[in-house]
């Protein structure tokens, strides 16, 4: 069987990025679908990468099984499941070009918010039920569209100023539940074929390696430097996706 080396490179890179996110560097996961969308359609990329997310979730949950905010996990999962359901209901009326545009827009807005938001020394905000469900719903919806639930999650959780380990563990548990909830809707919208599962199987080692690497990097690398490079890469790829979708004439 002839292997498309360009496709395999982007798919392997996307899988490593997913692994890094499950290992404690959540923003890296946002790069996976945009990266793979450089080689295949965004919808195919989103579907193909779901098994990789789920397998990485298993490793991530084990790594952070003792570090998480139980209150946040409870309310964010409730909201996240509702967001997945809304994504499922609206998927049939959203075109591939619009999905491409939304993926790019989410990435650009996330980067702009990270670069220009005001840094403050306010005391930690306590978690609250209604805001948690609201932002969890947005996280579930954007995760359904392109596995990009990190921005809404971070808007809600970052002001609480959790420890790095509790932040990573909370993100891992919440998105593990959301990703499991996406299995049936994805199967309903674009049924998995044997070839899809085999493609995903080839990528599993890259994702697992990325998960353990993410856990190590979380402890070793300066956060600001690492996330800056991630954000620059995400911003550039997101702009390209927006340009491509506009060139294809977005269909609403």
C-alpha atoms as a PDB file:
ATOM      1  CA  UNK A   1       0.000   0.000   0.000  1.00  0.00           C
ATOM      2  CA  UNK A   2       1.373   3.380  -1.018  1.00  0.00           C
ATOM      3  CA  UNK A   3       1.588   5.903   1.824  1.00  0.00           C
ATOM      4  CA  UNK A   4       0.944   9.586   1.306  1.00  0.00           C
ATOM      5  CA  UNK A   5       3.935  10.923   3.217  1.00  0.00           C
ATOM      6  CA  UNK A   6       2.539  14.472   3.444  1.00  0.00           C
ATOM      7  CA  UNK A   7      -0.720  13.239   4.920  1.00  0.00           C
ATOM      8  CA  UNK A   8       1.051  10.860   7.308  1.00  0.00           C
ATOM      9  CA  UNK A   9       3.373  13.639   8.511  1.00  0.00           C
ATOM     10  CA  UNK A  10       0.472  15.954   9.367  1.00  0.00           C
ATOM     11  CA  UNK A  11      -1.533  13.098  10.903  1.00  0.00           C
ATOM     12  CA  UNK A  12       1.394  12.000  13.081  1.00  0.00           C
ATOM     13  CA  UNK A  13       2.092  15.593  14.111  1.00  0.00           C
ATOM     14  CA  UNK A  14      -1.568  16.103  14.981  1.00  0.00           C
ATOM     15  CA  UNK A  15      -1.521  12.940  17.090  1.00  0.00           C
ATOM     16  CA  UNK A  16       1.548  14.100  19.003  1.00  0.00           C
ATOM     17  CA  UNK A  17      -0.155  17.449  19.642  1.00  0.00           C
ATOM     18  CA  UNK A  18      -3.220  15.636  20.982  1.00  0.00           C
ATOM     19  CA  UNK A  19      -0.985  13.599  23.263  1.00  0.00           C
ATOM     20  CA  UNK A  20       0.764  16.714  24.531  1.00  0.00           C
ATOM     21  CA  UNK A  21      -2.615  18.248  25.386  1.00  0.00           C
ATOM     22  CA  UNK A  22      -3.650  15.195  27.387  1.00  0.00           C
ATOM     23  CA  UNK A  23      -0.309  15.207  29.143  1.00  0.00           C
ATOM     24  CA  UNK A  24      -0.939  18.646  30.605  1.00  0.00           C
ATOM     25  CA  UNK A  25      -0.538  21.207  27.806  1.00  0.00           C
ATOM     26  CA  UNK A  26      -4.194  21.642  26.762  1.00  0.00           C
ATOM     27  CA  UNK A  27      -3.789  24.411  24.179  1.00  0.00           C
ATOM     28  CA  UNK A  28      -1.646  22.177  21.955  1.00  0.00           C
ATOM     29  CA  UNK A  29      -4.636  19.996  21.153  1.00  0.00           C
ATOM     30  CA  UNK A  30      -6.258  22.903  19.300  1.00  0.00           C
ATOM     31  CA  UNK A  31      -3.556  22.628  16.665  1.00  0.00           C
ATOM     32  CA  UNK A  32      -4.367  19.026  15.718  1.00  0.00           C
ATOM     33  CA  UNK A  33      -7.391  19.551  13.446  1.00  0.00           C
ATOM     34  CA  UNK A  34      -6.023  22.707  11.745  1.00  0.00           C
ATOM     35  CA  UNK A  35      -2.712  20.904  11.090  1.00  0.00           C
ATOM     36  CA  UNK A  36      -4.359  17.819   9.597  1.00  0.00           C
ATOM     37  CA  UNK A  37      -6.758  20.055   7.644  1.00  0.00           C
ATOM     38  CA  UNK A  38      -3.743  21.118   5.597  1.00  0.00           C
ATOM     39  CA  UNK A  39      -3.794  17.616   4.074  1.00  0.00           C
ATOM     40  CA  UNK A  40      -7.444  16.462   4.186  1.00  0.00           C
ATOM     41  CA  UNK A  41     -10.887  18.012   4.683  1.00  0.00           C
ATOM     42  CA  UNK A  42     -11.575  19.442   8.159  1.00  0.00           C
ATOM     43  CA  UNK A  43     -14.594  17.176   8.638  1.00  0.00           C
ATOM     44  CA  UNK A  44     -12.550  14.077   7.808  1.00  0.00           C
ATOM     45  CA  UNK A  45      -9.749  15.318  10.069  1.00  0.00           C
ATOM     46  CA  UNK A  46     -12.150  15.865  12.972  1.00  0.00           C
ATOM     47  CA  UNK A  47     -13.669  12.400  12.589  1.00  0.00           C
ATOM     48  CA  UNK A  48     -10.344  10.624  12.129  1.00  0.00           C
ATOM     49  CA  UNK A  49      -8.785  12.180  15.224  1.00  0.00           C
ATOM     50  CA  UNK A  50     -11.589  11.318  17.669  1.00  0.00           C
ATOM     51  CA  UNK A  51     -10.259   7.782  18.385  1.00  0.00           C
ATOM     52  CA  UNK A  52      -6.834   9.325  18.985  1.00  0.00           C
ATOM     53  CA  UNK A  53      -8.319  11.738  21.497  1.00  0.00           C
ATOM     54  CA  UNK A  54     -10.129   8.930  23.319  1.00  0.00           C
ATOM     55  CA  UNK A  55      -7.072   6.688  23.570  1.00  0.00           C
ATOM     56  CA  UNK A  56      -4.977   9.627  24.759  1.00  0.00           C
ATOM     57  CA  UNK A  57      -7.692  10.423  27.294  1.00  0.00           C
ATOM     58  CA  UNK A  58      -7.181   7.030  28.921  1.00  0.00           C
ATOM     59  CA  UNK A  59      -3.493   7.753  29.485  1.00  0.00           C
ATOM     60  CA  UNK A  60      -4.174  11.337  30.584  1.00  0.00           C
ATOM     61  CA  UNK A  61      -6.858  10.324  33.089  1.00  0.00           C
ATOM     62  CA  UNK A  62      -4.448   7.822  34.614  1.00  0.00           C
ATOM     63  CA  UNK A  63      -1.664  10.414  34.846  1.00  0.00           C
ATOM     64  CA  UNK A  64      -3.898  12.997  36.564  1.00  0.00           C
ATOM     65  CA  UNK A  65      -6.253  10.679  38.451  1.00  0.00           C
ATOM     66  CA  UNK A  66      -5.403  12.391  41.764  1.00  0.00           C
ATOM     67  CA  UNK A  67      -5.304  15.996  40.546  1.00  0.00           C
ATOM     68  CA  UNK A  68      -8.554  17.717  39.579  1.00  0.00           C
ATOM     69  CA  UNK A  69     -11.294  20.046  40.822  1.00  0.00           C
ATOM     70  CA  UNK A  70     -14.323  17.850  41.480  1.00  0.00           C
ATOM     71  CA  UNK A  71     -16.805  20.762  41.410  1.00  0.00           C
ATOM     72  CA  UNK A  72     -15.532  21.992  38.059  1.00  0.00           C
ATOM     73  CA  UNK A  73     -15.530  18.495  36.615  1.00  0.00           C
ATOM     74  CA  UNK A  74     -19.175  18.016  37.608  1.00  0.00           C
ATOM     75  CA  UNK A  75     -20.581  21.262  36.190  1.00  0.00           C
ATOM     76  CA  UNK A  76     -18.381  21.396  33.083  1.00  0.00           C
ATOM     77  CA  UNK A  77     -19.287  17.846  32.056  1.00  0.00           C
ATOM     78  CA  UNK A  78     -23.001  18.652  32.414  1.00  0.00           C
ATOM     79  CA  UNK A  79     -22.588  21.673  30.162  1.00  0.00           C
ATOM     80  CA  UNK A  80     -20.240  19.846  27.813  1.00  0.00           C
ATOM     81  CA  UNK A  81     -22.701  17.031  27.139  1.00  0.00           C
ATOM     82  CA  UNK A  82     -25.391  19.589  26.293  1.00  0.00           C
ATOM     83  CA  UNK A  83     -22.975  21.351  23.928  1.00  0.00           C
ATOM     84  CA  UNK A  84     -22.223  18.074  22.140  1.00  0.00           C
ATOM     85  CA  UNK A  85     -25.956  17.484  21.708  1.00  0.00           C
ATOM     86  CA  UNK A  86     -26.432  20.955  20.188  1.00  0.00           C
ATOM     87  CA  UNK A  87     -23.488  20.325  17.854  1.00  0.00           C
ATOM     88  CA  UNK A  88     -25.072  17.067  16.733  1.00  0.00           C
ATOM     89  CA  UNK A  89     -28.425  18.736  16.036  1.00  0.00           C
ATOM     90  CA  UNK A  90     -26.883  21.521  13.949  1.00  0.00           C
ATOM     91  CA  UNK A  91     -24.230  19.491  12.107  1.00  0.00           C
ATOM     92  CA  UNK A  92     -26.452  18.721   9.121  1.00  0.00           C
ATOM     93  CA  UNK A  93     -26.931  22.414   8.276  1.00  0.00           C
ATOM     94  CA  UNK A  94     -23.276  23.411   8.503  1.00  0.00           C
ATOM     95  CA  UNK A  95     -21.201  23.154   5.306  1.00  0.00           C
ATOM     96  CA  UNK A  96     -17.599  21.979   5.120  1.00  0.00           C
ATOM     97  CA  UNK A  97     -16.506  25.497   4.169  1.00  0.00           C
ATOM     98  CA  UNK A  98     -18.233  26.930   7.228  1.00  0.00           C
ATOM     99  CA  UNK A  99     -16.586  24.316   9.458  1.00  0.00           C
ATOM    100  CA  UNK A 100     -13.212  25.325   8.010  1.00  0.00           C
ATOM    101  CA  UNK A 101     -13.980  28.978   8.693  1.00  0.00           C
ATOM    102  CA  UNK A 102     -15.139  28.288  12.263  1.00  0.00           C
ATOM    103  CA  UNK A 103     -12.033  26.243  13.048  1.00  0.00           C
ATOM    104  CA  UNK A 104      -9.849  29.083  11.828  1.00  0.00           C
ATOM    105  CA  UNK A 105     -11.909  31.728  13.636  1.00  0.00           C
ATOM    106  CA  UNK A 106     -11.770  29.851  16.939  1.00  0.00           C
ATOM    107  CA  UNK A 107      -8.000  29.637  16.667  1.00  0.00           C
ATOM    108  CA  UNK A 108      -7.554  33.333  15.835  1.00  0.00           C
ATOM    109  CA  UNK A 109      -9.851  34.518  18.636  1.00  0.00           C
ATOM    110  CA  UNK A 110      -8.131  32.251  21.130  1.00  0.00           C
ATOM    111  CA  UNK A 111      -4.714  33.671  20.240  1.00  0.00           C
ATOM    112  CA  UNK A 112      -5.888  37.297  20.291  1.00  0.00           C
ATOM    113  CA  UNK A 113      -7.480  36.771  23.698  1.00  0.00           C
ATOM    114  CA  UNK A 114      -4.297  35.204  25.038  1.00  0.00           C
ATOM    115  CA  UNK A 115      -2.108  38.032  23.708  1.00  0.00           C
ATOM    116  CA  UNK A 116      -4.231  41.053  24.565  1.00  0.00           C
ATOM    117  CA  UNK A 117      -6.216  40.192  27.672  1.00  0.00           C
ATOM    118  CA  UNK A 118      -5.290  42.216  30.736  1.00  0.00           C
ATOM    119  CA  UNK A 119      -3.157  40.457  33.307  1.00  0.00           C
ATOM    120  CA  UNK A 120      -4.397  41.092  36.823  1.00  0.00           C
ATOM    121  CA  UNK A 121      -3.568  40.115  40.368  1.00  0.00           C
ATOM    122  CA  UNK A 122      -7.145  39.627  41.487  1.00  0.00           C
ATOM    123  CA  UNK A 123      -7.768  36.864  44.018  1.00  0.00           C
ATOM    124  CA  UNK A 124      -8.935  33.496  42.648  1.00  0.00           C
ATOM    125  CA  UNK A 125     -12.593  33.396  41.647  1.00  0.00           C
ATOM    126  CA  UNK A 126     -14.636  30.574  43.169  1.00  0.00           C
ATOM    127  CA  UNK A 127     -16.232  28.098  40.740  1.00  0.00           C
ATOM    128  CA  UNK A 128     -19.937  28.649  40.114  1.00  0.00           C
ATOM    129  CA  UNK A 129     -22.609  26.340  38.744  1.00  0.00           C
ATOM    130  CA  UNK A 130     -24.356  28.449  36.067  1.00  0.00           C
ATOM    131  CA  UNK A 131     -21.174  29.967  34.567  1.00  0.00           C
ATOM    132  CA  UNK A 132     -19.636  26.494  34.608  1.00  0.00           C
ATOM    133  CA  UNK A 133     -22.549  24.993  32.703  1.00  0.00           C
ATOM    134  CA  UNK A 134     -22.572  27.898  30.217  1.00  0.00           C
ATOM    135  CA  UNK A 135     -18.851  27.726  29.420  1.00  0.00           C
ATOM    136  CA  UNK A 136     -18.966  23.935  29.524  1.00  0.00           C
ATOM    137  CA  UNK A 137     -21.715  24.019  26.879  1.00  0.00           C
ATOM    138  CA  UNK A 138     -19.574  26.213  24.637  1.00  0.00           C
ATOM    139  CA  UNK A 139     -16.621  23.901  25.211  1.00  0.00           C
ATOM    140  CA  UNK A 140     -18.730  20.888  24.249  1.00  0.00           C
ATOM    141  CA  UNK A 141     -20.022  22.606  21.106  1.00  0.00           C
ATOM    142  CA  UNK A 142     -16.619  23.809  19.863  1.00  0.00           C
ATOM    143  CA  UNK A 143     -15.120  20.451  20.774  1.00  0.00           C
ATOM    144  CA  UNK A 144     -17.788  18.751  18.666  1.00  0.00           C
ATOM    145  CA  UNK A 145     -17.022  20.982  15.681  1.00  0.00           C
ATOM    146  CA  UNK A 146     -13.236  20.688  15.717  1.00  0.00           C
ATOM    147  CA  UNK A 147     -11.976  19.288  19.047  1.00  0.00           C
ATOM    148  CA  UNK A 148     -11.342  22.904  20.053  1.00  0.00           C
ATOM    149  CA  UNK A 149     -12.998  23.123  23.448  1.00  0.00           C
ATOM    150  CA  UNK A 150      -9.966  24.616  25.197  1.00  0.00           C
ATOM    151  CA  UNK A 151     -10.834  28.359  24.816  1.00  0.00           C
ATOM    152  CA  UNK A 152     -14.238  28.274  26.605  1.00  0.00           C
ATOM    153  CA  UNK A 153     -12.803  25.928  29.214  1.00  0.00           C
ATOM    154  CA  UNK A 154      -9.928  28.285  29.895  1.00  0.00           C
ATOM    155  CA  UNK A 155     -12.134  31.390  30.032  1.00  0.00           C
ATOM    156  CA  UNK A 156     -14.028  29.775  32.906  1.00  0.00           C
ATOM    157  CA  UNK A 157     -11.239  27.956  34.747  1.00  0.00           C
ATOM    158  CA  UNK A 158      -8.200  30.263  34.459  1.00  0.00           C
ATOM    159  CA  UNK A 159      -9.631  32.997  36.771  1.00  0.00           C
ATOM    160  CA  UNK A 160      -9.865  30.350  39.493  1.00  0.00           C
ATOM    161  CA  UNK A 161      -6.056  30.108  39.469  1.00  0.00           C
ATOM    162  CA  UNK A 162      -5.900  26.378  40.072  1.00  0.00           C
ATOM    163  CA  UNK A 163      -2.552  24.683  40.486  1.00  0.00           C
ATOM    164  CA  UNK A 164      -0.975  23.514  37.220  1.00  0.00           C
ATOM    165  CA  UNK A 165      -1.667  19.864  38.064  1.00  0.00           C
ATOM    166  CA  UNK A 166      -5.314  20.481  39.070  1.00  0.00           C
ATOM    167  CA  UNK A 167      -5.884  22.573  35.938  1.00  0.00           C
ATOM    168  CA  UNK A 168      -4.458  19.849  33.700  1.00  0.00           C
ATOM    169  CA  UNK A 169      -6.340  17.090  35.518  1.00  0.00           C
ATOM    170  CA  UNK A 170      -9.653  18.944  35.352  1.00  0.00           C
ATOM    171  CA  UNK A 171      -9.223  19.541  31.618  1.00  0.00           C
ATOM    172  CA  UNK A 172      -8.319  15.901  31.031  1.00  0.00           C
ATOM    173  CA  UNK A 173     -11.343  14.497  32.876  1.00  0.00           C
ATOM    174  CA  UNK A 174     -13.813  16.966  31.358  1.00  0.00           C
ATOM    175  CA  UNK A 175     -12.725  16.396  27.771  1.00  0.00           C
ATOM    176  CA  UNK A 176     -12.470  12.642  28.275  1.00  0.00           C
ATOM    177  CA  UNK A 177     -16.212  12.654  29.055  1.00  0.00           C
ATOM    178  CA  UNK A 178     -16.997  15.012  26.172  1.00  0.00           C
ATOM    179  CA  UNK A 179     -15.017  12.906  23.691  1.00  0.00           C
ATOM    180  CA  UNK A 180     -16.805   9.730  24.757  1.00  0.00           C
ATOM    181  CA  UNK A 181     -20.117  11.515  24.217  1.00  0.00           C
ATOM    182  CA  UNK A 182     -19.101  12.330  20.628  1.00  0.00           C
ATOM    183  CA  UNK A 183     -18.673   8.699  19.532  1.00  0.00           C
ATOM    184  CA  UNK A 184     -22.280   7.984  18.605  1.00  0.00           C
ATOM    185  CA  UNK A 185     -23.004  11.374  16.957  1.00  0.00           C
ATOM    186  CA  UNK A 186     -19.854  11.068  14.835  1.00  0.00           C
ATOM    187  CA  UNK A 187     -20.799   7.523  13.866  1.00  0.00           C
ATOM    188  CA  UNK A 188     -24.282   8.744  12.959  1.00  0.00           C
ATOM    189  CA  UNK A 189     -23.063  11.683  10.852  1.00  0.00           C
ATOM    190  CA  UNK A 190     -20.074  10.019   9.180  1.00  0.00           C
ATOM    191  CA  UNK A 191     -19.990   6.263   9.860  1.00  0.00           C
ATOM    192  CA  UNK A 192     -16.522   4.922  10.578  1.00  0.00           C
ATOM    193  CA  UNK A 193     -15.140   2.442   8.061  1.00  0.00           C
ATOM    194  CA  UNK A 194     -12.534  -0.205   8.763  1.00  0.00           C
ATOM    195  CA  UNK A 195      -9.968   1.869   6.897  1.00  0.00           C
ATOM    196  CA  UNK A 196     -10.633   4.851   9.198  1.00  0.00           C
ATOM    197  CA  UNK A 197      -9.956   2.754  12.270  1.00  0.00           C
ATOM    198  CA  UNK A 198      -6.773   1.333  10.753  1.00  0.00           C
ATOM    199  CA  UNK A 199      -5.546   4.853   9.980  1.00  0.00           C
ATOM    200  CA  UNK A 200      -6.205   5.817  13.585  1.00  0.00           C
ATOM    201  CA  UNK A 201      -4.422   2.692  14.852  1.00  0.00           C
ATOM    202  CA  UNK A 202      -1.221   3.702  13.054  1.00  0.00           C
ATOM    203  CA  UNK A 203      -1.322   7.044  14.867  1.00  0.00           C
ATOM    204  CA  UNK A 204      -1.838   5.718  18.404  1.00  0.00           C
ATOM    205  CA  UNK A 205       1.888   5.345  19.243  1.00  0.00           C
ATOM    206  CA  UNK A 206       2.474   8.998  18.351  1.00  0.00           C
ATOM    207  CA  UNK A 207      -0.384  10.086  20.613  1.00  0.00           C
ATOM    208  CA  UNK A 208       0.775   7.979  23.562  1.00  0.00           C
ATOM    209  CA  UNK A 209       4.335   9.247  23.201  1.00  0.00           C
ATOM    210  CA  UNK A 210       2.992  12.797  23.106  1.00  0.00           C
ATOM    211  CA  UNK A 211       0.947  12.225  26.267  1.00  0.00           C
ATOM    212  CA  UNK A 212       3.951  11.178  28.329  1.00  0.00           C
ATOM    213  CA  UNK A 213       6.043  13.939  26.764  1.00  0.00           C
ATOM    214  CA  UNK A 214       3.351  16.443  27.723  1.00  0.00           C
ATOM    215  CA  UNK A 215       3.444  15.293  31.341  1.00  0.00           C
ATOM    216  CA  UNK A 216       7.222  15.762  31.406  1.00  0.00           C
ATOM    217  CA  UNK A 217       7.140  19.142  29.651  1.00  0.00           C
ATOM    218  CA  UNK A 218       4.462  20.389  32.030  1.00  0.00           C
ATOM    219  CA  UNK A 219       6.994  20.081  34.823  1.00  0.00           C
ATOM    220  CA  UNK A 220      10.104  21.198  32.918  1.00  0.00           C
ATOM    221  CA  UNK A 221       9.452  23.853  30.298  1.00  0.00           C
ATOM    222  CA  UNK A 222       8.634  27.529  31.032  1.00  0.00           C
ATOM    223  CA  UNK A 223       4.928  27.925  30.347  1.00  0.00           C
ATOM    224  CA  UNK A 224       5.097  31.349  28.679  1.00  0.00           C
ATOM    225  CA  UNK A 225       7.747  30.380  26.135  1.00  0.00           C
ATOM    226  CA  UNK A 226       6.124  27.105  25.155  1.00  0.00           C
ATOM    227  CA  UNK A 227       2.600  28.472  24.808  1.00  0.00           C
ATOM    228  CA  UNK A 228       3.840  31.468  22.852  1.00  0.00           C
ATOM    229  CA  UNK A 229       5.230  29.207  20.126  1.00  0.00           C
ATOM    230  CA  UNK A 230       2.071  27.087  20.175  1.00  0.00           C
ATOM    231  CA  UNK A 231      -0.066  30.201  19.804  1.00  0.00           C
ATOM    232  CA  UNK A 232       2.051  31.574  16.943  1.00  0.00           C
ATOM    233  CA  UNK A 233       1.688  28.284  15.081  1.00  0.00           C
ATOM    234  CA  UNK A 234      -2.040  28.111  15.767  1.00  0.00           C
ATOM    235  CA  UNK A 235      -2.540  31.726  14.632  1.00  0.00           C
ATOM    236  CA  UNK A 236      -0.715  31.172  11.337  1.00  0.00           C
ATOM    237  CA  UNK A 237      -2.563  27.951  10.501  1.00  0.00           C
ATOM    238  CA  UNK A 238      -5.917  29.460  11.515  1.00  0.00           C
ATOM    239  CA  UNK A 239      -5.408  32.421   9.188  1.00  0.00           C
ATOM    240  CA  UNK A 240      -4.666  30.020   6.338  1.00  0.00           C
ATOM    241  CA  UNK A 241      -7.861  28.062   7.043  1.00  0.00           C
ATOM    242  CA  UNK A 242      -9.946  31.267   7.109  1.00  0.00           C
ATOM    243  CA  UNK A 243      -8.415  32.359   3.803  1.00  0.00           C
ATOM    244  CA  UNK A 244      -9.115  28.949   2.261  1.00  0.00           C
ATOM    245  CA  UNK A 245     -12.742  28.948   3.427  1.00  0.00           C
ATOM    246  CA  UNK A 246     -13.372  32.444   2.088  1.00  0.00           C
ATOM    247  CA  UNK A 247     -11.815  31.457  -1.206  1.00  0.00           C
ATOM    248  CA  UNK A 248     -14.252  28.545  -1.356  1.00  0.00           C
ATOM    249  CA  UNK A 249     -17.258  30.815  -0.677  1.00  0.00           C
ATOM    250  CA  UNK A 250     -18.727  29.964   2.684  1.00  0.00           C
ATOM    251  CA  UNK A 251     -22.139  28.342   2.447  1.00  0.00           C
ATOM    252  CA  UNK A 252     -24.451  28.968   5.418  1.00  0.00           C
END
